[in-house]
Protein backbone atom coordinates (compact mmCIF):
# COMPACT_ATOMS: atom_id res chain seq x y z
CA MET A 1 -108.65 10.27 27.49
CA GLN A 2 -107.87 9.61 31.11
CA ILE A 3 -104.79 7.82 32.44
CA ASN A 4 -105.47 5.19 34.99
CA PRO A 5 -103.63 6.15 38.25
CA ILE A 6 -102.88 2.50 39.04
CA LEU A 7 -101.08 2.02 35.71
CA LEU A 8 -99.19 5.29 36.22
CA ALA A 9 -97.98 4.17 39.67
CA ALA A 10 -96.88 0.79 38.31
CA ALA A 11 -94.92 2.48 35.51
CA ASN A 12 -93.14 4.78 37.97
CA GLY A 13 -92.25 1.83 40.21
CA SER A 14 -90.81 -0.06 37.26
CA ASN A 15 -88.64 2.93 36.26
CA SER A 16 -87.15 3.27 39.72
CA MET A 17 -86.57 -0.49 39.90
CA SER A 18 -84.79 -0.51 36.53
CA LEU A 19 -82.60 2.40 37.72
CA ILE A 20 -81.58 0.44 40.82
CA VAL A 21 -80.81 -2.63 38.72
CA MET A 22 -78.74 -0.55 36.31
CA ILE A 23 -76.74 1.00 39.18
CA LEU A 24 -76.10 -2.46 40.63
CA ILE A 25 -74.90 -3.76 37.26
CA TYR A 26 -72.47 -0.84 36.92
CA ALA A 27 -71.20 -1.43 40.47
CA VAL A 28 -70.58 -5.12 39.72
CA ILE A 29 -68.75 -4.26 36.48
CA PHE A 30 -66.59 -1.65 38.22
CA GLY A 31 -65.81 -4.07 41.04
CA ALA A 32 -64.80 -6.78 38.59
CA LEU A 33 -62.55 -4.38 36.66
CA TYR A 34 -60.94 -3.26 39.92
CA PHE A 35 -60.07 -6.81 40.95
CA ILE A 36 -58.99 -7.86 37.44
CA LEU A 37 -57.01 -4.80 36.30
CA ILE A 38 -56.29 -2.18 38.96
CA ARG A 39 -55.43 -4.26 42.02
CA PRO A 40 -52.82 -6.52 40.35
CA GLN A 41 -51.14 -3.47 38.75
CA LYS A 42 -50.82 -1.73 42.12
CA LYS A 43 -49.44 -4.92 43.67
CA LYS A 44 -46.82 -5.17 40.90
CA GLN A 45 -45.83 -1.51 41.35
CA LYS A 46 -45.43 -2.07 45.09
CA GLU A 47 -43.13 -5.08 44.50
CA GLU A 48 -41.03 -3.11 41.99
CA LYS A 49 -40.64 -0.25 44.46
CA LYS A 50 -39.55 -2.67 47.17
CA MET A 51 -37.02 -4.28 44.79
CA ARG A 52 -35.53 -0.89 43.91
CA GLU A 53 -35.29 0.12 47.58
CA ASN A 54 -33.55 -3.15 48.60
CA LEU A 55 -30.89 -2.89 45.89
CA GLN A 56 -27.32 -3.35 47.15
CA VAL A 57 -23.85 -2.70 45.75
CA GLY A 58 -22.68 -5.78 43.84
CA ASP A 59 -26.13 -6.91 42.68
CA GLU A 60 -26.52 -8.11 39.10
CA ILE A 61 -29.33 -6.15 37.39
CA VAL A 62 -31.12 -5.69 34.07
CA THR A 63 -32.33 -2.26 32.95
CA ILE A 64 -35.53 -1.64 31.02
CA GLY A 65 -33.33 -1.10 27.96
CA GLY A 66 -31.91 -4.62 28.28
CA ILE A 67 -28.48 -3.69 29.63
CA TYR A 68 -27.02 -6.25 32.03
CA GLY A 69 -24.64 -4.97 34.68
CA ARG A 70 -23.42 -4.96 38.26
CA VAL A 71 -24.24 -2.15 40.70
CA ILE A 72 -21.14 -0.09 41.57
CA SER A 73 -22.74 2.70 43.62
CA LEU A 74 -26.18 3.82 44.73
CA LYS A 75 -27.51 7.34 45.08
CA GLU A 76 -30.98 8.61 45.83
CA ASP A 77 -32.23 8.81 42.22
CA THR A 78 -29.41 7.22 40.22
CA ILE A 79 -27.41 4.00 40.08
CA VAL A 80 -23.92 3.56 38.64
CA ILE A 81 -23.52 0.16 37.00
CA GLU A 82 -20.67 -1.62 35.28
CA SER A 83 -21.67 -3.37 32.08
CA GLN A 84 -20.75 -7.02 31.72
CA SER A 85 -19.44 -6.90 28.17
CA ASP A 86 -16.75 -4.19 28.22
CA HIS A 87 -16.77 -3.15 31.91
CA SER A 88 -17.81 0.41 31.10
CA LYS A 89 -19.58 2.42 33.78
CA LEU A 90 -23.06 3.75 33.15
CA THR A 91 -25.23 6.02 35.25
CA ILE A 92 -28.91 5.12 35.05
CA ALA A 93 -32.04 6.38 36.76
CA ARG A 94 -33.40 4.18 39.53
CA TRP A 95 -36.77 3.93 37.76
CA ALA A 96 -35.00 2.37 34.73
CA LEU A 97 -34.19 -0.77 36.71
CA GLN A 98 -36.26 -3.71 35.48
CA SER A 99 -35.09 -6.61 37.61
CA ASN A 100 -32.51 -7.69 40.16
CA LEU A 101 -30.91 -11.00 39.19
CA THR A 102 -29.11 -11.47 42.53
CA VAL A 103 -30.95 -13.62 45.06
CA HIS A 104 -30.49 -12.50 48.67
CA ASP A 105 -31.06 -14.99 51.47
CA ASP A 106 -31.77 -12.36 54.10
CA VAL A 107 -33.40 -9.10 53.02
CA PRO A 108 -32.71 -6.39 55.62
CA SER A 109 -35.82 -4.87 57.16
CA LYS A 110 -36.06 -1.18 57.97
């Protein structure tokens, strides 16, 4: 039994075309996931980093553990806060800061 060379060429062309289509589908899926998941997460991380860098003494904050307090002093990696309930002083890591409740009119630029 002989294989027709025309049919063989058509089958090879269809395989390479389906490979190109499959690669394009994967690229579209990856691009969609990037814009839906990865990009917003990086934007949020950038905003959190900026908030932690612009923290000032006297700001009202909330930690990731839910502790409300006022910033007493700032160091490179730690923050000393005074809790609102019993005015006790706590030292927390800078990464443990969830949000700054104080609104500043003019944020200093570096």
